[in-house]
Amino acid sequence: MPGYEKERFVSIGESERNELSCGICHEILKEPVVANCCLQTFCRECITQWLTNDSSCPYDRKPMTSNDMNPAPSRADE
């Protein structure tokens, strides 16, 4: 899978792992992008591969193309 294996991130908790996980591969996001329609975050490679086989968002099933994705904002620690 395109994302980073969750097991590599031993210093973060389960809730953080879930927050940083791709909605397709369920691993830690690698090159994250955000879908304009639902604001869900996916690995760039995962959603690109998804869109070669399907023209709808994997989360809300609205029509979607690769142009409907934006780079994810950087996460700032509080």
PDB file of N, CA and C in Angstrom:
ATOM      1  N   MET A   1       0.829  -1.190   0.000  1.00  0.00           N
ATOM      2  CA  MET A   1       0.000   0.000   0.000  1.00  0.00           C
ATOM      3  C   MET A   1       0.872   1.252   0.000  1.00  0.00           C
ATOM      4  N   PRO A   2       0.350   2.324  -0.534  1.00  0.00           N
ATOM      5  CA  PRO A   2       1.111   3.554  -0.660  1.00  0.00           C
ATOM      6  C   PRO A   2       1.421   4.290   0.643  1.00  0.00           C
ATOM      7  N   GLY A   3       0.592   4.189   1.670  1.00  0.00           N
ATOM      8  CA  GLY A   3       0.838   4.915   2.914  1.00  0.00           C
ATOM      9  C   GLY A   3       1.949   4.279   3.730  1.00  0.00           C
ATOM     10  N   TYR A   4       2.332   4.974   4.800  1.00  0.00           N
ATOM     11  CA  TYR A   4       3.338   4.444   5.722  1.00  0.00           C
ATOM     12  C   TYR A   4       2.662   3.491   6.699  1.00  0.00           C
ATOM     13  N   GLU A   5       3.288   2.374   7.001  1.00  0.00           N
ATOM     14  CA  GLU A   5       2.721   1.401   7.922  1.00  0.00           C
ATOM     15  C   GLU A   5       2.574   2.018   9.309  1.00  0.00           C
ATOM     16  N   LYS A   6       1.407   1.840   9.913  1.00  0.00           N
ATOM     17  CA  LYS A   6       1.129   2.418  11.225  1.00  0.00           C
ATOM     18  C   LYS A   6       2.112   1.942  12.285  1.00  0.00           C
ATOM     19  N   GLU A   7       2.599   0.731  12.151  1.00  0.00           N
ATOM     20  CA  GLU A   7       3.504   0.158  13.141  1.00  0.00           C
ATOM     21  C   GLU A   7       4.825   0.921  13.236  1.00  0.00           C
ATOM     22  N   ARG A   8       5.148   1.698  12.221  1.00  0.00           N
ATOM     23  CA  ARG A   8       6.391   2.484  12.229  1.00  0.00           C
ATOM     24  C   ARG A   8       6.303   3.674  13.165  1.00  0.00           C
ATOM     25  N   PHE A   9       5.096   4.041  13.592  1.00  0.00           N
ATOM     26  CA  PHE A   9       4.880   5.237  14.398  1.00  0.00           C
ATOM     27  C   PHE A   9       4.515   4.840  15.826  1.00  0.00           C
ATOM     28  N   VAL A  10       5.526   4.448  16.574  1.00  0.00           N
ATOM     29  CA  VAL A  10       5.301   3.928  17.923  1.00  0.00           C
ATOM     30  C   VAL A  10       5.050   5.025  18.946  1.00  0.00           C
ATOM     31  N   SER A  11       5.413   6.257  18.647  1.00  0.00           N
ATOM     32  CA  SER A  11       5.287   7.327  19.631  1.00  0.00           C
ATOM     33  C   SER A  11       3.958   8.083  19.555  1.00  0.00           C
ATOM     34  N   ILE A  12       3.056   7.676  18.688  1.00  0.00           N
ATOM     35  CA  ILE A  12       1.752   8.353  18.628  1.00  0.00           C
ATOM     36  C   ILE A  12       0.653   7.391  19.064  1.00  0.00           C
ATOM     37  N   GLY A  13      -0.391   7.957  19.641  1.00  0.00           N
ATOM     38  CA  GLY A  13      -1.507   7.158  20.132  1.00  0.00           C
ATOM     39  C   GLY A  13      -2.433   6.706  19.017  1.00  0.00           C
ATOM     40  N   GLU A  14      -3.338   5.827  19.383  1.00  0.00           N
ATOM     41  CA  GLU A  14      -4.273   5.255  18.404  1.00  0.00           C
ATOM     42  C   GLU A  14      -5.165   6.323  17.775  1.00  0.00           C
ATOM     43  N   SER A  15      -5.632   7.291  18.573  1.00  0.00           N
ATOM     44  CA  SER A  15      -6.500   8.330  18.008  1.00  0.00           C
ATOM     45  C   SER A  15      -5.739   9.192  17.003  1.00  0.00           C
ATOM     46  N   GLU A  16      -4.461   9.489  17.285  1.00  0.00           N
ATOM     47  CA  GLU A  16      -3.645  10.237  16.331  1.00  0.00           C
ATOM     48  C   GLU A  16      -3.397   9.422  15.068  1.00  0.00           C
ATOM     49  N   ARG A  17      -3.154   8.133  15.229  1.00  0.00           N
ATOM     50  CA  ARG A  17      -2.950   7.269  14.056  1.00  0.00           C
ATOM     51  C   ARG A  17      -4.179   7.288  13.171  1.00  0.00           C
ATOM     52  N   ASN A  18      -5.355   7.203  13.789  1.00  0.00           N
ATOM     53  CA  ASN A  18      -6.601   7.223  13.012  1.00  0.00           C
ATOM     54  C   ASN A  18      -6.780   8.564  12.302  1.00  0.00           C
ATOM     55  N   GLU A  19      -6.432   9.645  12.978  1.00  0.00           N
ATOM     56  CA  GLU A  19      -6.567  10.977  12.394  1.00  0.00           C
ATOM     57  C   GLU A  19      -5.633  11.163  11.208  1.00  0.00           C
ATOM     58  N   LEU A  20      -4.493  10.508  11.245  1.00  0.00           N
ATOM     59  CA  LEU A  20      -3.489  10.648  10.193  1.00  0.00           C
ATOM     60  C   LEU A  20      -3.547   9.535   9.161  1.00  0.00           C
ATOM     61  N   SER A  21      -4.629   8.771   9.142  1.00  0.00           N
ATOM     62  CA  SER A  21      -4.752   7.621   8.242  1.00  0.00           C
ATOM     63  C   SER A  21      -5.515   7.956   6.969  1.00  0.00           C
ATOM     64  N   CYS A  22      -5.089   7.336   5.906  1.00  0.00           N
ATOM     65  CA  CYS A  22      -5.747   7.460   4.604  1.00  0.00           C
ATOM     66  C   CYS A  22      -7.073   6.699   4.632  1.00  0.00           C
ATOM     67  N   GLY A  23      -8.088   7.283   4.023  1.00  0.00           N
ATOM     68  CA  GLY A  23      -9.391   6.645   3.953  1.00  0.00           C
ATOM     69  C   GLY A  23      -9.447   5.464   2.995  1.00  0.00           C
ATOM     70  N   ILE A  24      -8.400   5.240   2.219  1.00  0.00           N
ATOM     71  CA  ILE A  24      -8.379   4.127   1.268  1.00  0.00           C
ATOM     72  C   ILE A  24      -7.490   2.999   1.768  1.00  0.00           C
ATOM     73  N   CYS A  25      -6.217   3.292   2.043  1.00  0.00           N
ATOM     74  CA  CYS A  25      -5.289   2.224   2.453  1.00  0.00           C
ATOM     75  C   CYS A  25      -5.248   2.021   3.962  1.00  0.00           C
ATOM     76  N   HIS A  26      -5.777   2.988   4.716  1.00  0.00           N
ATOM     77  CA  HIS A  26      -5.841   2.927   6.184  1.00  0.00           C
ATOM     78  C   HIS A  26      -4.470   2.931   6.848  1.00  0.00           C
ATOM     79  N   GLU A  27      -3.452   3.371   6.135  1.00  0.00           N
ATOM     80  CA  GLU A  27      -2.115   3.527   6.699  1.00  0.00           C
ATOM     81  C   GLU A  27      -1.883   5.027   6.922  1.00  0.00           C
ATOM     82  N   ILE A  28      -0.739   5.385   7.509  1.00  0.00           N
ATOM     83  CA  ILE A  28      -0.416   6.792   7.740  1.00  0.00           C
ATOM     84  C   ILE A  28      -0.229   7.488   6.391  1.00  0.00           C
ATOM     85  N   LEU A  29      -0.808   8.673   6.268  1.00  0.00           N
ATOM     86  CA  LEU A  29      -0.814   9.403   5.003  1.00  0.00           C
ATOM     87  C   LEU A  29       0.588   9.657   4.447  1.00  0.00           C
ATOM     88  N   LYS A  30       0.707   9.432   3.157  1.00  0.00           N
ATOM     89  CA  LYS A  30       1.931   9.722   2.418  1.00  0.00           C
ATOM     90  C   LYS A  30       1.531  10.656   1.291  1.00  0.00           C
ATOM     91  N   GLU A  31       2.116  11.841   1.227  1.00  0.00           N
ATOM     92  CA  GLU A  31       1.734  12.878   0.270  1.00  0.00           C
ATOM     93  C   GLU A  31       0.224  13.132   0.341  1.00  0.00           C
ATOM     94  N   PRO A  32      -0.273  13.581   1.495  1.00  0.00           N
ATOM     95  CA  PRO A  32      -1.712  13.749   1.671  1.00  0.00           C
ATOM     96  C   PRO A  32      -2.332  14.828   0.790  1.00  0.00           C
ATOM     97  N   VAL A  33      -3.524  14.512   0.285  1.00  0.00           N
ATOM     98  CA  VAL A  33      -4.339  15.460  -0.470  1.00  0.00           C
ATOM     99  C   VAL A  33      -5.751  15.404   0.095  1.00  0.00           C
ATOM    100  N   VAL A  34      -6.471  16.508  -0.054  1.00  0.00           N
ATOM    101  CA  VAL A  34      -7.822  16.631   0.487  1.00  0.00           C
ATOM    102  C   VAL A  34      -8.826  16.715  -0.656  1.00  0.00           C
ATOM    103  N   ALA A  35      -9.900  15.946  -0.544  1.00  0.00           N
ATOM    104  CA  ALA A  35     -10.976  15.993  -1.541  1.00  0.00           C
ATOM    105  C   ALA A  35     -11.828  17.238  -1.296  1.00  0.00           C
ATOM    106  N   ASN A  36     -12.079  18.016  -2.340  1.00  0.00           N
ATOM    107  CA  ASN A  36     -12.893  19.228  -2.210  1.00  0.00           C
ATOM    108  C   ASN A  36     -14.324  18.926  -1.785  1.00  0.00           C
ATOM    109  N   CYS A  37     -14.865  17.807  -2.208  1.00  0.00           N
ATOM    110  CA  CYS A  37     -16.270  17.513  -1.959  1.00  0.00           C
ATOM    111  C   CYS A  37     -16.575  17.178  -0.495  1.00  0.00           C
ATOM    112  N   CYS A  38     -15.711  16.409   0.145  1.00  0.00           N
ATOM    113  CA  CYS A  38     -16.010  15.925   1.502  1.00  0.00           C
ATOM    114  C   CYS A  38     -14.950  16.300   2.534  1.00  0.00           C
ATOM    115  N   LEU A  39     -13.864  16.895   2.058  1.00  0.00           N
ATOM    116  CA  LEU A  39     -12.739  17.306   2.903  1.00  0.00           C
ATOM    117  C   LEU A  39     -12.038  16.141   3.593  1.00  0.00           C
ATOM    118  N   GLN A  40     -12.177  14.937   3.030  1.00  0.00           N
ATOM    119  CA  GLN A  40     -11.451  13.777   3.543  1.00  0.00           C
ATOM    120  C   GLN A  40     -10.046  13.783   2.952  1.00  0.00           C
ATOM    121  N   THR A  41      -9.114  13.214   3.696  1.00  0.00           N
ATOM    122  CA  THR A  41      -7.715  13.198   3.283  1.00  0.00           C
ATOM    123  C   THR A  41      -7.309  11.799   2.852  1.00  0.00           C
ATOM    124  N   PHE A  42      -6.577  11.738   1.751  1.00  0.00           N
ATOM    125  CA  PHE A  42      -6.112  10.478   1.179  1.00  0.00           C
ATOM    126  C   PHE A  42      -4.645  10.612   0.790  1.00  0.00           C
ATOM    127  N   CYS A  43      -3.944   9.490   0.679  1.00  0.00           N
ATOM    128  CA  CYS A  43      -2.607   9.497   0.085  1.00  0.00           C
ATOM    129  C   CYS A  43      -2.780   9.860  -1.394  1.00  0.00           C
ATOM    130  N   ARG A  44      -1.876  10.664  -1.913  1.00  0.00           N
ATOM    131  CA  ARG A  44      -1.979  11.051  -3.334  1.00  0.00           C
ATOM    132  C   ARG A  44      -2.025   9.812  -4.236  1.00  0.00           C
ATOM    133  N   GLU A  45      -1.162   8.850  -3.980  1.00  0.00           N
ATOM    134  CA  GLU A  45      -1.118   7.649  -4.814  1.00  0.00           C
ATOM    135  C   GLU A  45      -2.410   6.837  -4.701  1.00  0.00           C
ATOM    136  N   CYS A  46      -2.952   6.741  -3.490  1.00  0.00           N
ATOM    137  CA  CYS A  46      -4.194   5.971  -3.290  1.00  0.00           C
ATOM    138  C   CYS A  46      -5.356   6.561  -4.088  1.00  0.00           C
ATOM    139  N   ILE A  47      -5.555   7.882  -3.956  1.00  0.00           N
ATOM    140  CA  ILE A  47      -6.702   8.485  -4.633  1.00  0.00           C
ATOM    141  C   ILE A  47      -6.487   8.532  -6.142  1.00  0.00           C
ATOM    142  N   THR A  48      -5.247   8.689  -6.573  1.00  0.00           N
ATOM    143  CA  THR A  48      -4.963   8.660  -8.018  1.00  0.00           C
ATOM    144  C   THR A  48      -5.303   7.286  -8.583  1.00  0.00           C
ATOM    145  N   GLN A  49      -4.883   6.248  -7.882  1.00  0.00           N
ATOM    146  CA  GLN A  49      -5.199   4.884  -8.322  1.00  0.00           C
ATOM    147  C   GLN A  49      -6.711   4.640  -8.291  1.00  0.00           C
ATOM    148  N   TRP A  50      -7.359   5.098  -7.241  1.00  0.00           N
ATOM    149  CA  TRP A  50      -8.815   4.958  -7.125  1.00  0.00           C
ATOM    150  C   TRP A  50      -9.507   5.589  -8.332  1.00  0.00           C
ATOM    151  N   LEU A  51      -9.086   6.802  -8.674  1.00  0.00           N
ATOM    152  CA  LEU A  51      -9.746   7.537  -9.754  1.00  0.00           C
ATOM    153  C   LEU A  51      -9.467   6.975 -11.140  1.00  0.00           C
ATOM    154  N   THR A  52      -8.493   6.088 -11.286  1.00  0.00           N
ATOM    155  CA  THR A  52      -8.299   5.436 -12.585  1.00  0.00           C
ATOM    156  C   THR A  52      -9.375   4.381 -12.823  1.00  0.00           C
ATOM    157  N   ASN A  53      -9.993   3.903 -11.734  1.00  0.00           N
ATOM    158  CA  ASN A  53     -11.023   2.863 -11.842  1.00  0.00           C
ATOM    159  C   ASN A  53     -12.425   3.360 -11.542  1.00  0.00           C
ATOM    160  N   ASP A  54     -12.537   4.515 -10.905  1.00  0.00           N
ATOM    161  CA  ASP A  54     -13.836   5.007 -10.450  1.00  0.00           C
ATOM    162  C   ASP A  54     -13.838   6.526 -10.565  1.00  0.00           C
ATOM    163  N   SER A  55     -14.936   7.119 -10.963  1.00  0.00           N
ATOM    164  CA  SER A  55     -14.994   8.579 -11.117  1.00  0.00           C
ATOM    165  C   SER A  55     -15.793   9.239 -10.007  1.00  0.00           C
ATOM    166  N   SER A  56     -15.883   8.563  -8.854  1.00  0.00           N
ATOM    167  CA  SER A  56     -16.582   9.155  -7.720  1.00  0.00           C
ATOM    168  C   SER A  56     -15.700   9.099  -6.475  1.00  0.00           C
ATOM    169  N   CYS A  57     -16.000   9.965  -5.538  1.00  0.00           N
ATOM    170  CA  CYS A  57     -15.253  10.024  -4.286  1.00  0.00           C
ATOM    171  C   CYS A  57     -15.489   8.738  -3.491  1.00  0.00           C
ATOM    172  N   PRO A  58     -14.439   8.147  -2.929  1.00  0.00           N
ATOM    173  CA  PRO A  58     -14.627   6.916  -2.153  1.00  0.00           C
ATOM    174  C   PRO A  58     -15.371   7.148  -0.841  1.00  0.00           C
ATOM    175  N   TYR A  59     -15.454   8.395  -0.400  1.00  0.00           N
ATOM    176  CA  TYR A  59     -16.110   8.696   0.871  1.00  0.00           C
ATOM    177  C   TYR A  59     -17.586   9.024   0.693  1.00  0.00           C
ATOM    178  N   ASP A  60     -17.903   9.992  -0.161  1.00  0.00           N
ATOM    179  CA  ASP A  60     -19.308  10.404  -0.299  1.00  0.00           C
ATOM    180  C   ASP A  60     -19.924  10.080  -1.661  1.00  0.00           C
ATOM    181  N   ARG A  61     -19.138   9.453  -2.533  1.00  0.00           N
ATOM    182  CA  ARG A  61     -19.596   8.988  -3.859  1.00  0.00           C
ATOM    183  C   ARG A  61     -20.018  10.098  -4.808  1.00  0.00           C
ATOM    184  N   LYS A  62     -19.653  11.339  -4.525  1.00  0.00           N
ATOM    185  CA  LYS A  62     -19.933  12.432  -5.461  1.00  0.00           C
ATOM    186  C   LYS A  62     -18.950  12.335  -6.623  1.00  0.00           C
ATOM    187  N   PRO A  63     -19.327  12.831  -7.813  1.00  0.00           N
ATOM    188  CA  PRO A  63     -18.414  12.809  -8.949  1.00  0.00           C
ATOM    189  C   PRO A  63     -17.110  13.524  -8.588  1.00  0.00           C
ATOM    190  N   MET A  64     -15.980  12.958  -9.029  1.00  0.00           N
ATOM    191  CA  MET A  64     -14.693  13.521  -8.651  1.00  0.00           C
ATOM    192  C   MET A  64     -13.637  13.188  -9.694  1.00  0.00           C
ATOM    193  N   THR A  65     -12.708  14.126  -9.893  1.00  0.00           N
ATOM    194  CA  THR A  65     -11.535  13.903 -10.743  1.00  0.00           C
ATOM    195  C   THR A  65     -10.299  14.295  -9.938  1.00  0.00           C
ATOM    196  N   SER A  66      -9.143  14.058 -10.488  1.00  0.00           N
ATOM    197  CA  SER A  66      -7.904  14.425  -9.794  1.00  0.00           C
ATOM    198  C   SER A  66      -7.789  15.939  -9.617  1.00  0.00           C
ATOM    199  N   ASN A  67      -8.497  16.708 -10.424  1.00  0.00           N
ATOM    200  CA  ASN A  67      -8.501  18.169 -10.281  1.00  0.00           C
ATOM    201  C   ASN A  67      -9.278  18.629  -9.060  1.00  0.00           C
ATOM    202  N   ASP A  68     -10.048  17.726  -8.455  1.00  0.00           N
ATOM    203  CA  ASP A  68     -10.852  18.050  -7.280  1.00  0.00           C
ATOM    204  C   ASP A  68     -10.103  17.799  -5.976  1.00  0.00           C
ATOM    205  N   MET A  69      -8.783  17.704  -6.058  1.00  0.00           N
ATOM    206  CA  MET A  69      -7.953  17.438  -4.888  1.00  0.00           C
ATOM    207  C   MET A  69      -7.018  18.615  -4.644  1.00  0.00           C
ATOM    208  N   ASN A  70      -6.744  18.904  -3.378  1.00  0.00           N
ATOM    209  CA  ASN A  70      -5.780  19.940  -3.001  1.00  0.00           C
ATOM    210  C   ASN A  70      -4.779  19.362  -2.014  1.00  0.00           C
ATOM    211  N   PRO A  71      -3.560  19.884  -2.005  1.00  0.00           N
ATOM    212  CA  PRO A  71      -2.602  19.414  -1.002  1.00  0.00           C
ATOM    213  C   PRO A  71      -3.171  19.667   0.398  1.00  0.00           C
ATOM    214  N   ALA A  72      -2.928  18.746   1.293  1.00  0.00           N
ATOM    215  CA  ALA A  72      -3.404  18.894   2.663  1.00  0.00           C
ATOM    216  C   ALA A  72      -2.610  19.989   3.358  1.00  0.00           C
ATOM    217  N   PRO A  73      -3.276  20.765   4.204  1.00  0.00           N
ATOM    218  CA  PRO A  73      -2.531  21.787   4.953  1.00  0.00           C
ATOM    219  C   PRO A  73      -1.567  21.146   5.928  1.00  0.00           C
ATOM    220  N   SER A  74      -0.493  21.828   6.239  1.00  0.00           N
ATOM    221  CA  SER A  74       0.463  21.309   7.221  1.00  0.00           C
ATOM    222  C   SER A  74      -0.215  21.290   8.581  1.00  0.00           C
ATOM    223  N   ARG A  75       0.132  20.286   9.343  1.00  0.00           N
ATOM    224  CA  ARG A  75      -0.439  20.149  10.677  1.00  0.00           C
ATOM    225  C   ARG A  75       0.523  20.786  11.670  1.00  0.00           C
ATOM    226  N   ALA A  76       0.037  21.770  12.407  1.00  0.00           N
ATOM    227  CA  ALA A  76       0.876  22.426  13.406  1.00  0.00           C
ATOM    228  C   ALA A  76       0.562  21.852  14.784  1.00  0.00           C
ATOM    229  N   ASP A  77       1.593  21.489  15.510  1.00  0.00           N
ATOM    230  CA  ASP A  77       1.404  20.974  16.864  1.00  0.00           C
ATOM    231  C   ASP A  77       1.038  22.131  17.785  1.00  0.00           C
ATOM    232  N   GLU A  78       0.125  21.856  18.674  1.00  0.00           N
ATOM    233  CA  GLU A  78      -0.311  22.897  19.618  1.00  0.00           C
ATOM    234  C   GLU A  78       0.445  22.783  20.903  1.00  0.00           C
TER     235      GLU A  78
END
